[in-house]
PDB file of N, CA and C in Angstrom:
ATOM      1  N   MET A   1      -5.631  60.965  11.221  1.00  0.00           N
ATOM      2  CA  MET A   1      -5.298  60.804   9.828  1.00  0.00           C
ATOM      3  C   MET A   1      -4.078  59.897   9.649  1.00  0.00           C
ATOM      4  N   ASN A   2      -3.073  60.065  10.521  1.00  0.00           N
ATOM      5  CA  ASN A   2      -1.883  59.225  10.440  1.00  0.00           C
ATOM      6  C   ASN A   2      -2.208  57.768  10.727  1.00  0.00           C
ATOM      7  N   ASP A   3      -3.138  57.547  11.652  1.00  0.00           N
ATOM      8  CA  ASP A   3      -3.536  56.172  11.961  1.00  0.00           C
ATOM      9  C   ASP A   3      -4.176  55.503  10.752  1.00  0.00           C
ATOM     10  N   LEU A   4      -4.999  56.236  10.034  1.00  0.00           N
ATOM     11  CA  LEU A   4      -5.649  55.702   8.836  1.00  0.00           C
ATOM     12  C   LEU A   4      -4.615  55.367   7.766  1.00  0.00           C
ATOM     13  N   LEU A   5      -3.643  56.249   7.575  1.00  0.00           N
ATOM     14  CA  LEU A   5      -2.586  55.989   6.597  1.00  0.00           C
ATOM     15  C   LEU A   5      -1.768  54.763   6.987  1.00  0.00           C
ATOM     16  N   THR A   6      -1.515  54.588   8.273  1.00  0.00           N
ATOM     17  CA  THR A   6      -0.772  53.428   8.749  1.00  0.00           C
ATOM     18  C   THR A   6      -1.558  52.154   8.474  1.00  0.00           C
ATOM     19  N   ILE A   7      -2.837  52.161   8.753  1.00  0.00           N
ATOM     20  CA  ILE A   7      -3.690  50.990   8.519  1.00  0.00           C
ATOM     21  C   ILE A   7      -3.740  50.667   7.028  1.00  0.00           C
ATOM     22  N   VAL A   8      -3.899  51.679   6.201  1.00  0.00           N
ATOM     23  CA  VAL A   8      -3.938  51.465   4.753  1.00  0.00           C
ATOM     24  C   VAL A   8      -2.596  50.915   4.281  1.00  0.00           C
ATOM     25  N   GLY A   9      -1.497  51.458   4.787  1.00  0.00           N
ATOM     26  CA  GLY A   9      -0.171  50.976   4.407  1.00  0.00           C
ATOM     27  C   GLY A   9       0.047  49.525   4.790  1.00  0.00           C
ATOM     28  N   VAL A  10      -0.384  49.149   5.979  1.00  0.00           N
ATOM     29  CA  VAL A  10      -0.258  47.760   6.420  1.00  0.00           C
ATOM     30  C   VAL A  10      -1.131  46.848   5.557  1.00  0.00           C
ATOM     31  N   ALA A  11      -2.333  47.285   5.247  1.00  0.00           N
ATOM     32  CA  ALA A  11      -3.232  46.472   4.420  1.00  0.00           C
ATOM     33  C   ALA A  11      -2.658  46.283   3.018  1.00  0.00           C
ATOM     34  N   VAL A  12      -2.127  47.329   2.435  1.00  0.00           N
ATOM     35  CA  VAL A  12      -1.534  47.222   1.098  1.00  0.00           C
ATOM     36  C   VAL A  12      -0.323  46.303   1.134  1.00  0.00           C
ATOM     37  N   SER A  13       0.502  46.430   2.162  1.00  0.00           N
ATOM     38  CA  SER A  13       1.670  45.552   2.308  1.00  0.00           C
ATOM     39  C   SER A  13       1.257  44.094   2.440  1.00  0.00           C
ATOM     40  N   ALA A  14       0.213  43.840   3.211  1.00  0.00           N
ATOM     41  CA  ALA A  14      -0.267  42.466   3.387  1.00  0.00           C
ATOM     42  C   ALA A  14      -0.775  41.897   2.068  1.00  0.00           C
ATOM     43  N   ILE A  15      -1.504  42.695   1.317  1.00  0.00           N
ATOM     44  CA  ILE A  15      -2.024  42.240   0.026  1.00  0.00           C
ATOM     45  C   ILE A  15      -0.875  41.939  -0.930  1.00  0.00           C
ATOM     46  N   LEU A  16       0.132  42.802  -0.956  1.00  0.00           N
ATOM     47  CA  LEU A  16       1.292  42.561  -1.809  1.00  0.00           C
ATOM     48  C   LEU A  16       2.046  41.298  -1.402  1.00  0.00           C
ATOM     49  N   ALA A  17       2.186  41.082  -0.101  1.00  0.00           N
ATOM     50  CA  ALA A  17       2.875  39.884   0.382  1.00  0.00           C
ATOM     51  C   ALA A  17       2.124  38.621  -0.026  1.00  0.00           C
ATOM     52  N   VAL A  18       0.809  38.627   0.117  1.00  0.00           N
ATOM     53  CA  VAL A  18       0.001  37.476  -0.293  1.00  0.00           C
ATOM     54  C   VAL A  18       0.136  37.247  -1.791  1.00  0.00           C
ATOM     55  N   GLY A  19       0.132  38.318  -2.554  1.00  0.00           N
ATOM     56  CA  GLY A  19       0.289  38.207  -3.998  1.00  0.00           C
ATOM     57  C   GLY A  19       1.636  37.626  -4.386  1.00  0.00           C
ATOM     58  N   LEU A  20       2.694  38.029  -3.705  1.00  0.00           N
ATOM     59  CA  LEU A  20       4.020  37.488  -3.989  1.00  0.00           C
ATOM     60  C   LEU A  20       4.111  36.007  -3.653  1.00  0.00           C
ATOM     61  N   VAL A  21       3.534  35.609  -2.536  1.00  0.00           N
ATOM     62  CA  VAL A  21       3.534  34.188  -2.160  1.00  0.00           C
ATOM     63  C   VAL A  21       2.755  33.390  -3.191  1.00  0.00           C
ATOM     64  N   TRP A  22       1.612  33.899  -3.600  1.00  0.00           N
ATOM     65  CA  TRP A  22       0.791  33.210  -4.607  1.00  0.00           C
ATOM     66  C   TRP A  22       1.560  33.080  -5.923  1.00  0.00           C
ATOM     67  N   ALA A  23       2.216  34.163  -6.343  1.00  0.00           N
ATOM     68  CA  ALA A  23       2.964  34.135  -7.604  1.00  0.00           C
ATOM     69  C   ALA A  23       4.133  33.156  -7.528  1.00  0.00           C
ATOM     70  N   ALA A  24       4.830  33.128  -6.408  1.00  0.00           N
ATOM     71  CA  ALA A  24       5.952  32.200  -6.250  1.00  0.00           C
ATOM     72  C   ALA A  24       5.466  30.755  -6.279  1.00  0.00           C
ATOM     73  N   ARG A  25       4.339  30.510  -5.662  1.00  0.00           N
ATOM     74  CA  ARG A  25       3.778  29.154  -5.647  1.00  0.00           C
ATOM     75  C   ARG A  25       3.390  28.716  -7.058  1.00  0.00           C
ATOM     76  N   ARG A  26       2.767  29.605  -7.802  1.00  0.00           N
ATOM     77  CA  ARG A  26       2.346  29.279  -9.165  1.00  0.00           C
ATOM     78  C   ARG A  26       3.529  29.162 -10.122  1.00  0.00           C
ATOM     79  N   ALA A  27       4.634  29.834  -9.820  1.00  0.00           N
ATOM     80  CA  ALA A  27       5.798  29.795 -10.706  1.00  0.00           C
ATOM     81  C   ALA A  27       6.402  28.397 -10.782  1.00  0.00           C
ATOM     82  N   THR A  28       6.284  27.614  -9.726  1.00  0.00           N
ATOM     83  CA  THR A  28       6.840  26.261  -9.724  1.00  0.00           C
ATOM     84  C   THR A  28       5.818  25.228 -10.171  1.00  0.00           C
ATOM     85  N   GLU A  29       4.573  25.641 -10.400  1.00  0.00           N
ATOM     86  CA  GLU A  29       3.519  24.705 -10.788  1.00  0.00           C
ATOM     87  C   GLU A  29       3.626  24.353 -12.269  1.00  0.00           C
ATOM     88  N   LEU A  30       3.589  23.066 -12.565  1.00  0.00           N
ATOM     89  CA  LEU A  30       3.596  22.594 -13.947  1.00  0.00           C
ATOM     90  C   LEU A  30       2.177  22.482 -14.490  1.00  0.00           C
ATOM     91  N   PHE A  31       1.286  21.896 -13.685  1.00  0.00           N
ATOM     92  CA  PHE A  31      -0.117  21.779 -14.085  1.00  0.00           C
ATOM     93  C   PHE A  31      -0.976  21.515 -12.863  1.00  0.00           C
ATOM     94  N   ALA A  32      -2.279  21.700 -13.047  1.00  0.00           N
ATOM     95  CA  ALA A  32      -3.254  21.385 -12.011  1.00  0.00           C
ATOM     96  C   ALA A  32      -4.429  20.649 -12.655  1.00  0.00           C
ATOM     97  N   VAL A  33      -4.932  19.650 -11.934  1.00  0.00           N
ATOM     98  CA  VAL A  33      -6.068  18.847 -12.391  1.00  0.00           C
ATOM     99  C   VAL A  33      -7.069  18.767 -11.248  1.00  0.00           C
ATOM    100  N   ARG A  34      -8.350  18.966 -11.556  1.00  0.00           N
ATOM    101  CA  ARG A  34      -9.409  18.807 -10.560  1.00  0.00           C
ATOM    102  C   ARG A  34     -10.171  17.532 -10.876  1.00  0.00           C
ATOM    103  N   ILE A  35     -10.482  16.761  -9.837  1.00  0.00           N
ATOM    104  CA  ILE A  35     -11.266  15.541  -9.994  1.00  0.00           C
ATOM    105  C   ILE A  35     -12.582  15.726  -9.256  1.00  0.00           C
ATOM    106  N   GLU A  36     -13.669  15.465  -9.947  1.00  0.00           N
ATOM    107  CA  GLU A  36     -15.003  15.495  -9.338  1.00  0.00           C
ATOM    108  C   GLU A  36     -15.798  14.331  -9.887  1.00  0.00           C
ATOM    109  N   GLY A  37     -16.322  13.521  -9.010  1.00  0.00           N
ATOM    110  CA  GLY A  37     -17.132  12.382  -9.419  1.00  0.00           C
ATOM    111  C   GLY A  37     -16.389  11.397 -10.295  1.00  0.00           C
ATOM    112  N   GLY A  38     -15.086  11.241 -10.053  1.00  0.00           N
ATOM    113  CA  GLY A  38     -14.289  10.297 -10.825  1.00  0.00           C
ATOM    114  C   GLY A  38     -13.832  10.812 -12.178  1.00  0.00           C
ATOM    115  N   ARG A  39     -14.157  12.070 -12.503  1.00  0.00           N
ATOM    116  CA  ARG A  39     -13.773  12.650 -13.793  1.00  0.00           C
ATOM    117  C   ARG A  39     -12.713  13.724 -13.576  1.00  0.00           C
ATOM    118  N   ALA A  40     -11.672  13.657 -14.378  1.00  0.00           N
ATOM    119  CA  ALA A  40     -10.562  14.607 -14.280  1.00  0.00           C
ATOM    120  C   ALA A  40     -10.752  15.751 -15.260  1.00  0.00           C
ATOM    121  N   LYS A  41     -10.365  16.965 -14.822  1.00  0.00           N
ATOM    122  CA  LYS A  41     -10.421  18.147 -15.684  1.00  0.00           C
ATOM    123  C   LYS A  41      -9.092  18.886 -15.551  1.00  0.00           C
ATOM    124  N   HIS A  42      -8.452  19.119 -16.678  1.00  0.00           N
ATOM    125  CA  HIS A  42      -7.181  19.846 -16.733  1.00  0.00           C
ATOM    126  C   HIS A  42      -7.485  21.322 -16.505  1.00  0.00           C
ATOM    127  N   LEU A  43      -7.030  21.870 -15.378  1.00  0.00           N
ATOM    128  CA  LEU A  43      -7.343  23.250 -15.029  1.00  0.00           C
ATOM    129  C   LEU A  43      -6.382  24.266 -15.637  1.00  0.00           C
ATOM    130  N   ARG A  44      -5.085  24.032 -15.455  1.00  0.00           N
ATOM    131  CA  ARG A  44      -4.103  25.003 -15.934  1.00  0.00           C
ATOM    132  C   ARG A  44      -2.752  24.322 -16.100  1.00  0.00           C
ATOM    133  N   GLY A  45      -1.900  25.003 -16.842  1.00  0.00           N
ATOM    134  CA  GLY A  45      -0.566  24.482 -17.080  1.00  0.00           C
ATOM    135  C   GLY A  45      -0.517  23.608 -18.320  1.00  0.00           C
ATOM    136  N   ARG A  46       0.647  23.008 -18.524  1.00  0.00           N
ATOM    137  CA  ARG A  46       0.864  22.120 -19.669  1.00  0.00           C
ATOM    138  C   ARG A  46       1.040  20.697 -19.175  1.00  0.00           C
ATOM    139  N   MET A  47       0.548  19.758 -19.999  1.00  0.00           N
ATOM    140  CA  MET A  47       0.783  18.346 -19.719  1.00  0.00           C
ATOM    141  C   MET A  47       0.545  17.529 -20.975  1.00  0.00           C
ATOM    142  N   PRO A  48       1.348  16.471 -21.176  1.00  0.00           N
ATOM    143  CA  PRO A  48       1.143  15.613 -22.340  1.00  0.00           C
ATOM    144  C   PRO A  48      -0.203  14.889 -22.246  1.00  0.00           C
ATOM    145  N   PRO A  49      -0.881  14.697 -23.373  1.00  0.00           N
ATOM    146  CA  PRO A  49      -2.157  13.979 -23.357  1.00  0.00           C
ATOM    147  C   PRO A  49      -2.043  12.586 -22.731  1.00  0.00           C
ATOM    148  N   ALA A  50      -0.926  11.909 -22.939  1.00  0.00           N
ATOM    149  CA  ALA A  50      -0.757  10.567 -22.366  1.00  0.00           C
ATOM    150  C   ALA A  50      -0.759  10.617 -20.844  1.00  0.00           C
ATOM    151  N   LEU A  51      -0.157  11.633 -20.275  1.00  0.00           N
ATOM    152  CA  LEU A  51      -0.149  11.785 -18.814  1.00  0.00           C
ATOM    153  C   LEU A  51      -1.559  12.044 -18.310  1.00  0.00           C
ATOM    154  N   PHE A  52      -2.279  12.944 -18.974  1.00  0.00           N
ATOM    155  CA  PHE A  52      -3.652  13.232 -18.545  1.00  0.00           C
ATOM    156  C   PHE A  52      -4.521  11.984 -18.635  1.00  0.00           C
ATOM    157  N   THR A  53      -4.373  11.206 -19.708  1.00  0.00           N
ATOM    158  CA  THR A  53      -5.170   9.987 -19.886  1.00  0.00           C
ATOM    159  C   THR A  53      -4.923   9.007 -18.738  1.00  0.00           C
ATOM    160  N   GLU A  54      -3.670   8.837 -18.359  1.00  0.00           N
ATOM    161  CA  GLU A  54      -3.365   7.911 -17.270  1.00  0.00           C
ATOM    162  C   GLU A  54      -3.895   8.423 -15.934  1.00  0.00           C
ATOM    163  N   ILE A  55      -3.776   9.727 -15.691  1.00  0.00           N
ATOM    164  CA  ILE A  55      -4.318  10.303 -14.458  1.00  0.00           C
ATOM    165  C   ILE A  55      -5.827  10.120 -14.420  1.00  0.00           C
ATOM    166  N   ALA A  56      -6.498  10.405 -15.533  1.00  0.00           N
ATOM    167  CA  ALA A  56      -7.959  10.259 -15.591  1.00  0.00           C
ATOM    168  C   ALA A  56      -8.373   8.816 -15.336  1.00  0.00           C
ATOM    169  N   ASP A  57      -7.612   7.862 -15.859  1.00  0.00           N
ATOM    170  CA  ASP A  57      -7.913   6.450 -15.651  1.00  0.00           C
ATOM    171  C   ASP A  57      -7.798   6.077 -14.171  1.00  0.00           C
ATOM    172  N   ILE A  58      -6.748   6.518 -13.525  1.00  0.00           N
ATOM    173  CA  ILE A  58      -6.553   6.214 -12.103  1.00  0.00           C
ATOM    174  C   ILE A  58      -7.659   6.842 -11.264  1.00  0.00           C
ATOM    175  N   CYS A  59      -8.062   8.058 -11.612  1.00  0.00           N
ATOM    176  CA  CYS A  59      -9.080   8.769 -10.838  1.00  0.00           C
ATOM    177  C   CYS A  59     -10.483   8.212 -11.048  1.00  0.00           C
ATOM    178  N   GLY A  60     -10.665   7.448 -12.107  1.00  0.00           N
ATOM    179  CA  GLY A  60     -11.988   6.900 -12.399  1.00  0.00           C
ATOM    180  C   GLY A  60     -12.222   5.496 -11.878  1.00  0.00           C
ATOM    181  N   ARG A  61     -11.142   4.785 -11.501  1.00  0.00           N
ATOM    182  CA  ARG A  61     -11.300   3.394 -11.052  1.00  0.00           C
ATOM    183  C   ARG A  61     -10.480   3.130  -9.811  1.00  0.00           C
ATOM    184  N   PRO A  62     -11.056   3.016  -8.640  1.00  0.00           N
ATOM    185  CA  PRO A  62     -12.408   3.445  -8.264  1.00  0.00           C
ATOM    186  C   PRO A  62     -12.508   4.969  -8.292  1.00  0.00           C
ATOM    187  N   PRO A  63     -13.713   5.482  -8.465  1.00  0.00           N
ATOM    188  CA  PRO A  63     -13.877   6.925  -8.639  1.00  0.00           C
ATOM    189  C   PRO A  63     -13.451   7.720  -7.407  1.00  0.00           C
ATOM    190  N   ILE A  64     -12.687   8.778  -7.653  1.00  0.00           N
ATOM    191  CA  ILE A  64     -12.347   9.740  -6.606  1.00  0.00           C
ATOM    192  C   ILE A  64     -13.437  10.801  -6.644  1.00  0.00           C
ATOM    193  N   GLU A  65     -14.080  11.032  -5.524  1.00  0.00           N
ATOM    194  CA  GLU A  65     -15.199  11.975  -5.503  1.00  0.00           C
ATOM    195  C   GLU A  65     -14.768  13.412  -5.727  1.00  0.00           C
ATOM    196  N   ARG A  66     -13.745  13.853  -5.009  1.00  0.00           N
ATOM    197  CA  ARG A  66     -13.308  15.238  -5.165  1.00  0.00           C
ATOM    198  C   ARG A  66     -11.866  15.369  -4.704  1.00  0.00           C
ATOM    199  N   ALA A  67     -11.032  15.937  -5.574  1.00  0.00           N
ATOM    200  CA  ALA A  67      -9.631  16.161  -5.232  1.00  0.00           C
ATOM    201  C   ALA A  67      -9.021  17.141  -6.215  1.00  0.00           C
ATOM    202  N   THR A  68      -7.873  17.679  -5.841  1.00  0.00           N
ATOM    203  CA  THR A  68      -7.088  18.524  -6.723  1.00  0.00           C
ATOM    204  C   THR A  68      -5.670  17.990  -6.735  1.00  0.00           C
ATOM    205  N   LEU A  69      -5.107  17.869  -7.922  1.00  0.00           N
ATOM    206  CA  LEU A  69      -3.735  17.420  -8.103  1.00  0.00           C
ATOM    207  C   LEU A  69      -2.940  18.581  -8.679  1.00  0.00           C
ATOM    208  N   ARG A  70      -1.795  18.855  -8.081  1.00  0.00           N
ATOM    209  CA  ARG A  70      -0.893  19.883  -8.600  1.00  0.00           C
ATOM    210  C   ARG A  70       0.474  19.256  -8.774  1.00  0.00           C
ATOM    211  N   ALA A  71       1.038  19.394  -9.967  1.00  0.00           N
ATOM    212  CA  ALA A  71       2.413  18.965 -10.204  1.00  0.00           C
ATOM    213  C   ALA A  71       3.290  20.203 -10.078  1.00  0.00           C
ATOM    214  N   VAL A  72       4.284  20.121  -9.203  1.00  0.00           N
ATOM    215  CA  VAL A  72       5.192  21.240  -8.972  1.00  0.00           C
ATOM    216  C   VAL A  72       6.625  20.758  -9.116  1.00  0.00           C
ATOM    217  N   LEU A  73       7.515  21.696  -9.367  1.00  0.00           N
ATOM    218  CA  LEU A  73       8.930  21.359  -9.433  1.00  0.00           C
ATOM    219  C   LEU A  73       9.528  21.436  -8.038  1.00  0.00           C
ATOM    220  N   GLN A  74      10.208  20.381  -7.647  1.00  0.00           N
ATOM    221  CA  GLN A  74      10.945  20.347  -6.388  1.00  0.00           C
ATOM    222  C   GLN A  74      12.354  19.875  -6.716  1.00  0.00           C
ATOM    223  N   GLY A  75      13.289  20.801  -6.675  1.00  0.00           N
ATOM    224  CA  GLY A  75      14.656  20.456  -7.032  1.00  0.00           C
ATOM    225  C   GLY A  75      14.798  20.032  -8.481  1.00  0.00           C
ATOM    226  N   GLY A  76      13.974  20.606  -9.357  1.00  0.00           N
ATOM    227  CA  GLY A  76      14.041  20.298 -10.779  1.00  0.00           C
ATOM    228  C   GLY A  76      13.280  19.051 -11.191  1.00  0.00           C
ATOM    229  N   THR A  77      12.668  18.372 -10.234  1.00  0.00           N
ATOM    230  CA  THR A  77      11.924  17.137 -10.510  1.00  0.00           C
ATOM    231  C   THR A  77      10.437  17.356 -10.237  1.00  0.00           C
ATOM    232  N   PRO A  78       9.550  16.868 -11.104  1.00  0.00           N
ATOM    233  CA  PRO A  78       8.122  16.996 -10.841  1.00  0.00           C
ATOM    234  C   PRO A  78       7.708  16.205  -9.599  1.00  0.00           C
ATOM    235  N   ALA A  79       6.907  16.840  -8.764  1.00  0.00           N
ATOM    236  CA  ALA A  79       6.357  16.199  -7.577  1.00  0.00           C
ATOM    237  C   ALA A  79       4.861  16.483  -7.550  1.00  0.00           C
ATOM    238  N   LEU A  80       4.098  15.568  -6.974  1.00  0.00           N
ATOM    239  CA  LEU A  80       2.641  15.689  -6.965  1.00  0.00           C
ATOM    240  C   LEU A  80       2.154  16.126  -5.592  1.00  0.00           C
ATOM    241  N   GLN A  81       1.326  17.158  -5.562  1.00  0.00           N
ATOM    242  CA  GLN A  81       0.650  17.602  -4.350  1.00  0.00           C
ATOM    243  C   GLN A  81      -0.824  17.257  -4.513  1.00  0.00           C
ATOM    244  N   ILE A  82      -1.343  16.508  -3.560  1.00  0.00           N
ATOM    245  CA  ILE A  82      -2.713  16.006  -3.648  1.00  0.00           C
ATOM    246  C   ILE A  82      -3.511  16.551  -2.478  1.00  0.00           C
ATOM    247  N   THR A  83      -4.661  17.157  -2.781  1.00  0.00           N
ATOM    248  CA  THR A  83      -5.593  17.554  -1.733  1.00  0.00           C
ATOM    249  C   THR A  83      -6.929  16.900  -2.047  1.00  0.00           C
ATOM    250  N   GLY A  84      -7.580  16.386  -1.033  1.00  0.00           N
ATOM    251  CA  GLY A  84      -8.867  15.734  -1.224  1.00  0.00           C
ATOM    252  C   GLY A  84      -8.824  14.285  -0.794  1.00  0.00           C
ATOM    253  N   ALA A  85      -9.920  13.594  -1.056  1.00  0.00           N
ATOM    254  CA  ALA A  85     -10.096  12.212  -0.613  1.00  0.00           C
ATOM    255  C   ALA A  85      -9.534  11.242  -1.649  1.00  0.00           C
ATOM    256  N   VAL A  86      -8.232  10.989  -1.555  1.00  0.00           N
ATOM    257  CA  VAL A  86      -7.561  10.054  -2.455  1.00  0.00           C
ATOM    258  C   VAL A  86      -6.953   8.959  -1.591  1.00  0.00           C
ATOM    259  N   SER A  87      -7.211   7.710  -1.942  1.00  0.00           N
ATOM    260  CA  SER A  87      -6.659   6.598  -1.147  1.00  0.00           C
ATOM    261  C   SER A  87      -5.142   6.568  -1.294  1.00  0.00           C
ATOM    262  N   ASP A  88      -4.491   5.939  -0.338  1.00  0.00           N
ATOM    263  CA  ASP A  88      -3.028   5.819  -0.394  1.00  0.00           C
ATOM    264  C   ASP A  88      -2.588   5.088  -1.659  1.00  0.00           C
ATOM    265  N   ALA A  89      -3.326   4.048  -2.042  1.00  0.00           N
ATOM    266  CA  ALA A  89      -2.973   3.271  -3.234  1.00  0.00           C
ATOM    267  C   ALA A  89      -3.091   4.132  -4.492  1.00  0.00           C
ATOM    268  N   GLN A  90      -4.166   4.914  -4.594  1.00  0.00           N
ATOM    269  CA  GLN A  90      -4.339   5.773  -5.769  1.00  0.00           C
ATOM    270  C   GLN A  90      -3.292   6.884  -5.788  1.00  0.00           C
ATOM    271  N   ALA A  91      -2.977   7.436  -4.629  1.00  0.00           N
ATOM    272  CA  ALA A  91      -1.956   8.477  -4.559  1.00  0.00           C
ATOM    273  C   ALA A  91      -0.614   7.933  -5.043  1.00  0.00           C
ATOM    274  N   GLN A  92      -0.285   6.718  -4.638  1.00  0.00           N
ATOM    275  CA  GLN A  92       0.972   6.122  -5.075  1.00  0.00           C
ATOM    276  C   GLN A  92       0.968   5.874  -6.580  1.00  0.00           C
ATOM    277  N   ARG A  93      -0.143   5.395  -7.109  1.00  0.00           N
ATOM    278  CA  ARG A  93      -0.244   5.177  -8.559  1.00  0.00           C
ATOM    279  C   ARG A  93      -0.083   6.494  -9.313  1.00  0.00           C
ATOM    280  N   LEU A  94      -0.694   7.560  -8.803  1.00  0.00           N
ATOM    281  CA  LEU A  94      -0.575   8.876  -9.439  1.00  0.00           C
ATOM    282  C   LEU A  94       0.872   9.364  -9.404  1.00  0.00           C
ATOM    283  N   ARG A  95       1.548   9.193  -8.272  1.00  0.00           N
ATOM    284  CA  ARG A  95       2.957   9.595  -8.184  1.00  0.00           C
ATOM    285  C   ARG A  95       3.819   8.772  -9.136  1.00  0.00           C
ATOM    286  N   ASN A  96       3.527   7.475  -9.243  1.00  0.00           N
ATOM    287  CA  ASN A  96       4.289   6.615 -10.158  1.00  0.00           C
ATOM    288  C   ASN A  96       4.135   7.073 -11.608  1.00  0.00           C
ATOM    289  N   VAL A  97       2.915   7.417 -12.002  1.00  0.00           N
ATOM    290  CA  VAL A  97       2.669   7.884 -13.367  1.00  0.00           C
ATOM    291  C   VAL A  97       3.428   9.182 -13.613  1.00  0.00           C
ATOM    292  N   LEU A  98       3.327  10.126 -12.692  1.00  0.00           N
ATOM    293  CA  LEU A  98       4.024  11.401 -12.865  1.00  0.00           C
ATOM    294  C   LEU A  98       5.538  11.187 -12.953  1.00  0.00           C
ATOM    295  N   GLY A  99       6.063  10.245 -12.204  1.00  0.00           N
ATOM    296  CA  GLY A  99       7.496   9.981 -12.197  1.00  0.00           C
ATOM    297  C   GLY A  99       8.051   9.518 -13.536  1.00  0.00           C
ATOM    298  N   ARG A 100       7.194   9.036 -14.406  1.00  0.00           N
ATOM    299  CA  ARG A 100       7.639   8.583 -15.731  1.00  0.00           C
ATOM    300  C   ARG A 100       7.775   9.732 -16.727  1.00  0.00           C
ATOM    301  N   PHE A 101       7.363  10.936 -16.328  1.00  0.00           N
ATOM    302  CA  PHE A 101       7.384  12.092 -17.217  1.00  0.00           C
ATOM    303  C   PHE A 101       8.348  13.143 -16.665  1.00  0.00           C
ATOM    304  N   PRO A 102       9.476  13.367 -17.351  1.00  0.00           N
ATOM    305  CA  PRO A 102      10.384  14.427 -16.901  1.00  0.00           C
ATOM    306  C   PRO A 102       9.763  15.808 -17.098  1.00  0.00           C
ATOM    307  N   ALA A 103      10.273  16.785 -16.381  1.00  0.00           N
ATOM    308  CA  ALA A 103       9.727  18.144 -16.437  1.00  0.00           C
ATOM    309  C   ALA A 103       9.711  18.692 -17.865  1.00  0.00           C
ATOM    310  N   ALA A 104      10.753  18.434 -18.634  1.00  0.00           N
ATOM    311  CA  ALA A 104      10.810  18.953 -20.012  1.00  0.00           C
ATOM    312  C   ALA A 104       9.668  18.395 -20.857  1.00  0.00           C
ATOM    313  N   ARG A 105       9.342  17.131 -20.666  1.00  0.00           N
ATOM    314  CA  ARG A 105       8.247  16.538 -21.445  1.00  0.00           C
ATOM    315  C   ARG A 105       6.902  17.114 -21.008  1.00  0.00           C
ATOM    316  N   ILE A 106       6.748  17.352 -19.705  1.00  0.00           N
ATOM    317  CA  ILE A 106       5.499  17.944 -19.216  1.00  0.00           C
ATOM    318  C   ILE A 106       5.341  19.354 -19.783  1.00  0.00           C
ATOM    319  N   ARG A 107       6.423  20.121 -19.757  1.00  0.00           N
ATOM    320  CA  ARG A 107       6.362  21.500 -20.260  1.00  0.00           C
ATOM    321  C   ARG A 107       6.093  21.577 -21.755  1.00  0.00           C
ATOM    322  N   SER A 108       6.381  20.512 -22.482  1.00  0.00           N
ATOM    323  CA  SER A 108       6.126  20.530 -23.918  1.00  0.00           C
ATOM    324  C   SER A 108       4.731  20.018 -24.258  1.00  0.00           C
ATOM    325  N   GLY A 109       3.936  19.688 -23.249  1.00  0.00           N
ATOM    326  CA  GLY A 109       2.594  19.171 -23.467  1.00  0.00           C
ATOM    327  C   GLY A 109       1.600  20.265 -23.819  1.00  0.00           C
ATOM    328  N   ARG A 110       0.357  19.877 -23.898  1.00  0.00           N
ATOM    329  CA  ARG A 110      -0.729  20.803 -24.265  1.00  0.00           C
ATOM    330  C   ARG A 110      -1.108  21.684 -23.083  1.00  0.00           C
ATOM    331  N   MET A 111      -1.545  22.894 -23.433  1.00  0.00           N
ATOM    332  CA  MET A 111      -2.094  23.810 -22.433  1.00  0.00           C
ATOM    333  C   MET A 111      -3.502  23.365 -22.088  1.00  0.00           C
ATOM    334  N   ALA A 112      -3.949  23.760 -20.893  1.00  0.00           N
ATOM    335  CA  ALA A 112      -5.332  23.505 -20.507  1.00  0.00           C
ATOM    336  C   ALA A 112      -6.245  24.271 -21.426  1.00  0.00           C
ATOM    337  N   SER A 113      -7.371  23.677 -21.803  1.00  0.00           N
ATOM    338  CA  SER A 113      -8.320  24.362 -22.681  1.00  0.00           C
ATOM    339  C   SER A 113      -8.993  25.499 -21.935  1.00  0.00           C
ATOM    340  N   ARG A 114      -9.341  26.515 -22.671  1.00  0.00           N
ATOM    341  CA  ARG A 114      -9.963  27.709 -22.084  1.00  0.00           C
ATOM    342  C   ARG A 114     -11.450  27.718 -22.372  1.00  0.00           C
ATOM    343  N   GLY A 115     -12.148  26.697 -21.925  1.00  0.00           N
ATOM    344  CA  GLY A 115     -13.574  26.613 -22.189  1.00  0.00           C
ATOM    345  C   GLY A 115     -14.398  27.104 -21.016  1.00  0.00           C
ATOM    346  N   PRO A 116     -15.727  27.171 -21.158  1.00  0.00           N
ATOM    347  CA  PRO A 116     -16.610  27.643 -20.091  1.00  0.00           C
ATOM    348  C   PRO A 116     -16.652  26.684 -18.941  1.00  0.00           C
TER     349      PRO A 116
END
């Protein structure tokens, strides 16, 4: 019986630790965008429409097949985390666009739509 309680305690602790790491990671996130087939979709967070328009333009020419972009705060400055097949040139263009928007302006942007 004690062994079962120990296993349950360790499992609960592990789940809580994962949850805390996830929450801390999301706390610094400003927004997330998913790209599929060259089309951008605002997933979560706030961002000005002008920023989204520029990101969508970069992701569509040439089309990025699949990627996720996350803007996070690093030392109070927005930084871009890119996962997926994005060329070095497109990644640099995306970072340049994000660099023109201070964190306060991003935070005052629109929320992601809550559609199906």
